[in-house]
PDB file of N, CA and C in Angstrom:
ATOM      1  N   MET A   1       1.102  -0.993  -0.119  1.00  0.00           N
ATOM      2  CA  MET A   1       0.037  -0.098   0.207  1.00  0.00           C
ATOM      3  C   MET A   1       0.817   1.396   0.012  1.00  0.00           C
ATOM      4  N   ALA A   2       0.598   1.954  -1.034  1.00  0.00           N
ATOM      5  CA  ALA A   2       1.235   3.224  -0.893  1.00  0.00           C
ATOM      6  C   ALA A   2       0.998   4.323  -0.663  1.00  0.00           C
ATOM      7  N   THR A   3       1.712   4.873   0.603  1.00  0.00           N
ATOM      8  CA  THR A   3       1.642   6.333   1.286  1.00  0.00           C
ATOM      9  C   THR A   3       2.524   7.351   1.083  1.00  0.00           C
ATOM     10  N   ASN A   4       1.651   8.367   1.188  1.00  0.00           N
ATOM     11  CA  ASN A   4       2.468   9.422   1.517  1.00  0.00           C
ATOM     12  C   ASN A   4       2.362  10.432   3.074  1.00  0.00           C
ATOM     13  N   LEU A   5       3.570  10.319   3.321  1.00  0.00           N
ATOM     14  CA  LEU A   5       3.995  11.175   4.928  1.00  0.00           C
ATOM     15  C   LEU A   5       4.484  11.825   4.678  1.00  0.00           C
ATOM     16  N   ARG A   6       4.337  12.825   5.652  1.00  0.00           N
ATOM     17  CA  ARG A   6       5.462  14.137   5.850  1.00  0.00           C
ATOM     18  C   ARG A   6       6.476  13.841   7.206  1.00  0.00           C
ATOM     19  N   ILE A   7       7.334  13.069   7.058  1.00  0.00           N
ATOM     20  CA  ILE A   7       8.228  12.924   8.029  1.00  0.00           C
ATOM     21  C   ILE A   7       9.314  13.900   8.139  1.00  0.00           C
ATOM     22  N   ASN A   8       9.593  14.160   9.651  1.00  0.00           N
ATOM     23  CA  ASN A   8      10.622  14.771   9.874  1.00  0.00           C
ATOM     24  C   ASN A   8      11.857  14.336   9.502  1.00  0.00           C
ATOM     25  N   PRO A   9      12.724  15.212   8.577  1.00  0.00           N
ATOM     26  CA  PRO A   9      13.630  14.159   8.367  1.00  0.00           C
ATOM     27  C   PRO A   9      14.765  14.266   9.030  1.00  0.00           C
ATOM     28  N   THR A  10      15.033  15.085   9.702  1.00  0.00           N
ATOM     29  CA  THR A  10      16.018  15.360  10.773  1.00  0.00           C
ATOM     30  C   THR A  10      16.035  13.409  11.848  1.00  0.00           C
ATOM     31  N   LEU A  11      14.415  13.756  12.610  1.00  0.00           N
ATOM     32  CA  LEU A  11      14.245  12.701  12.894  1.00  0.00           C
ATOM     33  C   LEU A  11      14.494  11.153  12.160  1.00  0.00           C
ATOM     34  N   LEU A  12      14.246  10.963  11.067  1.00  0.00           N
ATOM     35  CA  LEU A  12      14.040   9.950  10.292  1.00  0.00           C
ATOM     36  C   LEU A  12      15.770   9.742  10.140  1.00  0.00           C
ATOM     37  N   ASP A  13      16.335  10.779   9.837  1.00  0.00           N
ATOM     38  CA  ASP A  13      17.869  10.407   9.265  1.00  0.00           C
ATOM     39  C   ASP A  13      18.404   9.555  11.018  1.00  0.00           C
ATOM     40  N   GLU A  14      18.416  10.544  11.536  1.00  0.00           N
ATOM     41  CA  GLU A  14      18.910   9.991  12.969  1.00  0.00           C
ATOM     42  C   GLU A  14      18.460   8.482  13.484  1.00  0.00           C
ATOM     43  N   ALA A  15      17.114   8.352  13.613  1.00  0.00           N
ATOM     44  CA  ALA A  15      16.884   6.981  13.281  1.00  0.00           C
ATOM     45  C   ALA A  15      17.606   5.561  12.561  1.00  0.00           C
ATOM     46  N   GLN A  16      17.532   6.420  11.644  1.00  0.00           N
ATOM     47  CA  GLN A  16      18.011   5.323  10.176  1.00  0.00           C
ATOM     48  C   GLN A  16      19.678   5.226  10.831  1.00  0.00           C
ATOM     49  N   LYS A  17      20.266   6.061  11.396  1.00  0.00           N
ATOM     50  CA  LYS A  17      21.725   5.931  11.831  1.00  0.00           C
ATOM     51  C   LYS A  17      21.883   5.229  13.100  1.00  0.00           C
ATOM     52  N   ILE A  18      21.252   5.504  13.891  1.00  0.00           N
ATOM     53  CA  ILE A  18      21.153   4.823  15.382  1.00  0.00           C
ATOM     54  C   ILE A  18      21.127   3.688  15.207  1.00  0.00           C
ATOM     55  N   GLY A  19      19.638   2.647  14.196  1.00  0.00           N
ATOM     56  CA  GLY A  19      19.288   1.818  14.255  1.00  0.00           C
ATOM     57  C   GLY A  19      20.298   0.456  12.857  1.00  0.00           C
ATOM     58  N   GLY A  20      21.148   1.473  12.324  1.00  0.00           N
ATOM     59  CA  GLY A  20      21.728   1.061  11.260  1.00  0.00           C
ATOM     60  C   GLY A  20      20.869   0.510  10.129  1.00  0.00           C
ATOM     61  N   PHE A  21      19.693   0.936   9.953  1.00  0.00           N
ATOM     62  CA  PHE A  21      19.266   0.490   9.134  1.00  0.00           C
ATOM     63  C   PHE A  21      19.504   1.016   7.522  1.00  0.00           C
ATOM     64  N   ARG A  22      19.526   0.107   6.468  1.00  0.00           N
ATOM     65  CA  ARG A  22      20.012   0.531   5.153  1.00  0.00           C
ATOM     66  C   ARG A  22      18.780   1.739   4.573  1.00  0.00           C
ATOM     67  N   THR A  23      17.543   1.597   4.522  1.00  0.00           N
ATOM     68  CA  THR A  23      16.420   2.162   3.635  1.00  0.00           C
ATOM     69  C   THR A  23      15.855   2.794   4.957  1.00  0.00           C
ATOM     70  N   LYS A  24      14.880   4.285   4.527  1.00  0.00           N
ATOM     71  CA  LYS A  24      13.869   4.916   5.164  1.00  0.00           C
ATOM     72  C   LYS A  24      12.746   3.792   5.582  1.00  0.00           C
ATOM     73  N   ARG A  25      12.595   3.355   4.583  1.00  0.00           N
ATOM     74  CA  ARG A  25      11.005   2.083   4.553  1.00  0.00           C
ATOM     75  C   ARG A  25      11.390   1.095   5.853  1.00  0.00           C
ATOM     76  N   GLU A  26      12.936   0.764   5.814  1.00  0.00           N
ATOM     77  CA  GLU A  26      13.113  -0.459   6.901  1.00  0.00           C
ATOM     78  C   GLU A  26      13.236   0.409   8.380  1.00  0.00           C
ATOM     79  N   THR A  27      13.561   1.651   8.289  1.00  0.00           N
ATOM     80  CA  THR A  27      13.583   2.814   9.530  1.00  0.00           C
ATOM     81  C   THR A  27      12.114   2.771  10.239  1.00  0.00           C
ATOM     82  N   VAL A  28      11.246   2.950   9.192  1.00  0.00           N
ATOM     83  CA  VAL A  28       9.786   3.214   9.869  1.00  0.00           C
ATOM     84  C   VAL A  28       9.326   1.742   9.939  1.00  0.00           C
ATOM     85  N   ASP A  29       9.392   0.874   9.113  1.00  0.00           N
ATOM     86  CA  ASP A  29       8.839  -0.502   9.643  1.00  0.00           C
ATOM     87  C   ASP A  29       9.352  -0.745  10.883  1.00  0.00           C
ATOM     88  N   HIS A  30      10.542  -0.823  11.085  1.00  0.00           N
ATOM     89  CA  HIS A  30      11.201  -1.346  12.409  1.00  0.00           C
ATOM     90  C   HIS A  30      10.069   0.020  13.831  1.00  0.00           C
ATOM     91  N   ALA A  31      10.235   1.310  13.639  1.00  0.00           N
ATOM     92  CA  ALA A  31       9.933   2.190  14.307  1.00  0.00           C
ATOM     93  C   ALA A  31       8.049   1.736  14.578  1.00  0.00           C
ATOM     94  N   LEU A  32       7.475   1.507  13.924  1.00  0.00           N
ATOM     95  CA  LEU A  32       5.971   1.023  13.712  1.00  0.00           C
ATOM     96  C   LEU A  32       5.914  -0.205  14.764  1.00  0.00           C
ATOM     97  N   ASP A  33       7.004  -1.266  14.228  1.00  0.00           N
ATOM     98  CA  ASP A  33       6.797  -2.440  14.913  1.00  0.00           C
ATOM     99  C   ASP A  33       7.191  -2.452  16.557  1.00  0.00           C
ATOM    100  N   GLU A  34       8.205  -1.534  16.529  1.00  0.00           N
ATOM    101  CA  GLU A  34       8.309  -1.216  17.988  1.00  0.00           C
ATOM    102  C   GLU A  34       7.287  -0.538  18.933  1.00  0.00           C
ATOM    103  N   PHE A  35       6.705   0.467  18.414  1.00  0.00           N
ATOM    104  CA  PHE A  35       5.634   1.200  18.749  1.00  0.00           C
ATOM    105  C   PHE A  35       4.453   0.263  19.054  1.00  0.00           C
ATOM    106  N   ILE A  36       4.172  -0.980  18.456  1.00  0.00           N
ATOM    107  CA  ILE A  36       2.781  -1.740  18.515  1.00  0.00           C
ATOM    108  C   ILE A  36       2.979  -2.564  19.608  1.00  0.00           C
ATOM    109  N   LYS A  37       4.387  -2.889  19.657  1.00  0.00           N
ATOM    110  CA  LYS A  37       4.886  -4.068  21.046  1.00  0.00           C
ATOM    111  C   LYS A  37       5.222  -3.184  22.416  1.00  0.00           C
ATOM    112  N   ARG A  38       5.211  -2.053  22.483  1.00  0.00           N
ATOM    113  CA  ARG A  38       5.546  -1.501  23.458  1.00  0.00           C
ATOM    114  C   ARG A  38       3.807  -0.945  23.902  1.00  0.00           C
ATOM    115  N   HIS A  39       3.197  -0.827  23.574  1.00  0.00           N
ATOM    116  CA  HIS A  39       1.968  -0.289  23.545  1.00  0.00           C
ATOM    117  C   HIS A  39       1.016  -1.607  24.094  1.00  0.00           C
ATOM    118  N   LYS A  40       1.449  -2.732  23.448  1.00  0.00           N
ATOM    119  CA  LYS A  40       0.478  -4.009  23.741  1.00  0.00           C
ATOM    120  C   LYS A  40       1.355  -4.267  25.298  1.00  0.00           C
ATOM    121  N   ARG A  41       2.610  -4.083  25.723  1.00  0.00           N
ATOM    122  CA  ARG A  41       2.966  -4.605  26.797  1.00  0.00           C
ATOM    123  C   ARG A  41       2.386  -3.789  27.719  1.00  0.00           C
ATOM    124  N   LEU A  42       2.319  -2.491  27.605  1.00  0.00           N
ATOM    125  CA  LEU A  42       1.777  -1.083  28.309  1.00  0.00           C
ATOM    126  C   LEU A  42       0.085  -1.906  28.460  1.00  0.00           C
ATOM    127  N   GLN A  43      -0.567  -2.036  27.538  1.00  0.00           N
ATOM    128  CA  GLN A  43      -1.960  -2.868  28.329  1.00  0.00           C
ATOM    129  C   GLN A  43      -1.928  -4.205  28.908  1.00  0.00           C
ATOM    130  N   LEU A  44      -1.094  -4.827  28.742  1.00  0.00           N
ATOM    131  CA  LEU A  44      -0.868  -6.310  29.567  1.00  0.00           C
ATOM    132  C   LEU A  44      -0.505  -5.690  31.261  1.00  0.00           C
ATOM    133  N   LEU A  45       0.255  -4.394  31.635  1.00  0.00           N
ATOM    134  CA  LEU A  45       0.670  -3.824  32.846  1.00  0.00           C
ATOM    135  C   LEU A  45      -0.505  -3.150  33.390  1.00  0.00           C
ATOM    136  N   ALA A  46      -1.247  -2.802  32.249  1.00  0.00           N
ATOM    137  CA  ALA A  46      -2.242  -2.619  33.115  1.00  0.00           C
ATOM    138  C   ALA A  46      -3.509  -3.295  33.682  1.00  0.00           C
ATOM    139  N   LEU A  47      -3.554  -4.565  33.198  1.00  0.00           N
ATOM    140  CA  LEU A  47      -4.061  -5.421  33.806  1.00  0.00           C
ATOM    141  C   LEU A  47      -3.393  -6.696  35.173  1.00  0.00           C
ATOM    142  N   GLU A  48      -2.239  -6.166  35.376  1.00  0.00           N
ATOM    143  CA  GLU A  48      -1.851  -6.306  36.241  1.00  0.00           C
ATOM    144  C   GLU A  48      -2.607  -6.419  37.582  1.00  0.00           C
ATOM    145  N   ASP A  49      -3.280  -5.873  38.039  1.00  0.00           N
ATOM    146  CA  ASP A  49      -4.182  -5.828  39.731  1.00  0.00           C
ATOM    147  C   ASP A  49      -5.659  -6.250  39.313  1.00  0.00           C
ATOM    148  N   GLN A  50      -5.697  -6.692  37.802  1.00  0.00           N
ATOM    149  CA  GLN A  50      -7.022  -7.055  37.804  1.00  0.00           C
ATOM    150  C   GLN A  50      -7.361  -8.507  37.598  1.00  0.00           C
ATOM    151  N   ILE A  51      -6.173  -9.333  37.419  1.00  0.00           N
ATOM    152  CA  ILE A  51      -5.599 -10.954  37.484  1.00  0.00           C
ATOM    153  C   ILE A  51      -5.750 -11.346  39.186  1.00  0.00           C
ATOM    154  N   GLU A  52      -6.804 -12.244  39.463  1.00  0.00           N
ATOM    155  CA  GLU A  52      -6.541 -12.930  40.525  1.00  0.00           C
ATOM    156  C   GLU A  52      -5.949 -14.230  40.725  1.00  0.00           C
ATOM    157  N   TYR A  53      -4.757 -14.118  41.693  1.00  0.00           N
ATOM    158  CA  TYR A  53      -3.877 -15.217  41.394  1.00  0.00           C
ATOM    159  C   TYR A  53      -4.211 -16.066  42.909  1.00  0.00           C
ATOM    160  N   PHE A  54      -3.887 -17.708  43.011  1.00  0.00           N
ATOM    161  CA  PHE A  54      -4.032 -17.896  44.102  1.00  0.00           C
ATOM    162  C   PHE A  54      -2.706 -18.684  44.471  1.00  0.00           C
ATOM    163  N   PRO A  55      -1.702 -18.134  45.558  1.00  0.00           N
ATOM    164  CA  PRO A  55      -0.601 -18.345  46.006  1.00  0.00           C
ATOM    165  C   PRO A  55      -0.133 -19.903  46.436  1.00  0.00           C
ATOM    166  N   ASP A  56      -1.510 -20.244  46.558  1.00  0.00           N
ATOM    167  CA  ASP A  56      -0.975 -22.061  47.505  1.00  0.00           C
ATOM    168  C   ASP A  56      -1.481 -22.587  46.094  1.00  0.00           C
ATOM    169  N   TYR A  57      -1.750 -22.279  44.985  1.00  0.00           N
ATOM    170  CA  TYR A  57      -2.084 -23.330  43.736  1.00  0.00           C
ATOM    171  C   TYR A  57      -0.758 -23.885  43.379  1.00  0.00           C
ATOM    172  N   ASP A  58      -0.804 -25.500  43.561  1.00  0.00           N
ATOM    173  CA  ASP A  58       0.510 -26.245  42.844  1.00  0.00           C
ATOM    174  C   ASP A  58       0.503 -26.622  41.773  1.00  0.00           C
ATOM    175  N   TYR A  59       0.928 -26.149  40.484  1.00  0.00           N
ATOM    176  CA  TYR A  59       0.890 -26.589  39.489  1.00  0.00           C
ATOM    177  C   TYR A  59       1.623 -27.550  39.084  1.00  0.00           C
ATOM    178  N   LYS A  60       2.751 -28.001  40.057  1.00  0.00           N
ATOM    179  CA  LYS A  60       3.653 -29.374  39.648  1.00  0.00           C
ATOM    180  C   LYS A  60       2.354 -30.695  40.063  1.00  0.00           C
ATOM    181  N   ALA A  61       1.753 -30.205  41.275  1.00  0.00           N
ATOM    182  CA  ALA A  61       0.974 -31.789  41.591  1.00  0.00           C
ATOM    183  C   ALA A  61      -0.034 -31.370  40.501  1.00  0.00           C
ATOM    184  N   GLU A  62      -0.812 -30.948  39.874  1.00  0.00           N
ATOM    185  CA  GLU A  62      -1.718 -30.945  38.858  1.00  0.00           C
ATOM    186  C   GLU A  62      -1.330 -31.752  37.748  1.00  0.00           C
ATOM    187  N   ARG A  63       0.151 -31.365  37.264  1.00  0.00           N
ATOM    188  CA  ARG A  63       0.829 -32.013  36.117  1.00  0.00           C
ATOM    189  C   ARG A  63       1.099 -33.787  36.646  1.00  0.00           C
ATOM    190  N   GLN A  64       1.325 -33.818  37.705  1.00  0.00           N
ATOM    191  CA  GLN A  64       1.317 -35.203  37.841  1.00  0.00           C
ATOM    192  C   GLN A  64      -0.060 -35.968  37.887  1.00  0.00           C
ATOM    193  N   LYS A  65      -1.107 -35.142  38.069  1.00  0.00           N
ATOM    194  CA  LYS A  65      -2.178 -35.818  38.100  1.00  0.00           C
ATOM    195  C   LYS A  65      -2.289 -36.457  36.773  1.00  0.00           C
ATOM    196  N   ARG A  66      -2.111 -35.896  35.876  1.00  0.00           N
ATOM    197  CA  ARG A  66      -2.539 -36.602  34.131  1.00  0.00           C
ATOM    198  C   ARG A  66      -2.004 -38.022  33.935  1.00  0.00           C
TER     199      ARG A  66
END
């Protein structure tokens, strides 16, 4: 999908140098991938206090029952 974007050339050049990417496309693809991964991790962290854990649960004992 071809898309025209107006990207800050200074930021793009710096990201390309730091990341060691050969092309601008490779730089942008990597940046988008990192952005998505970071936000997914943040969403998981938001669930931290919402999951109920049972500290006395013995998963090893459950495995032996099989």
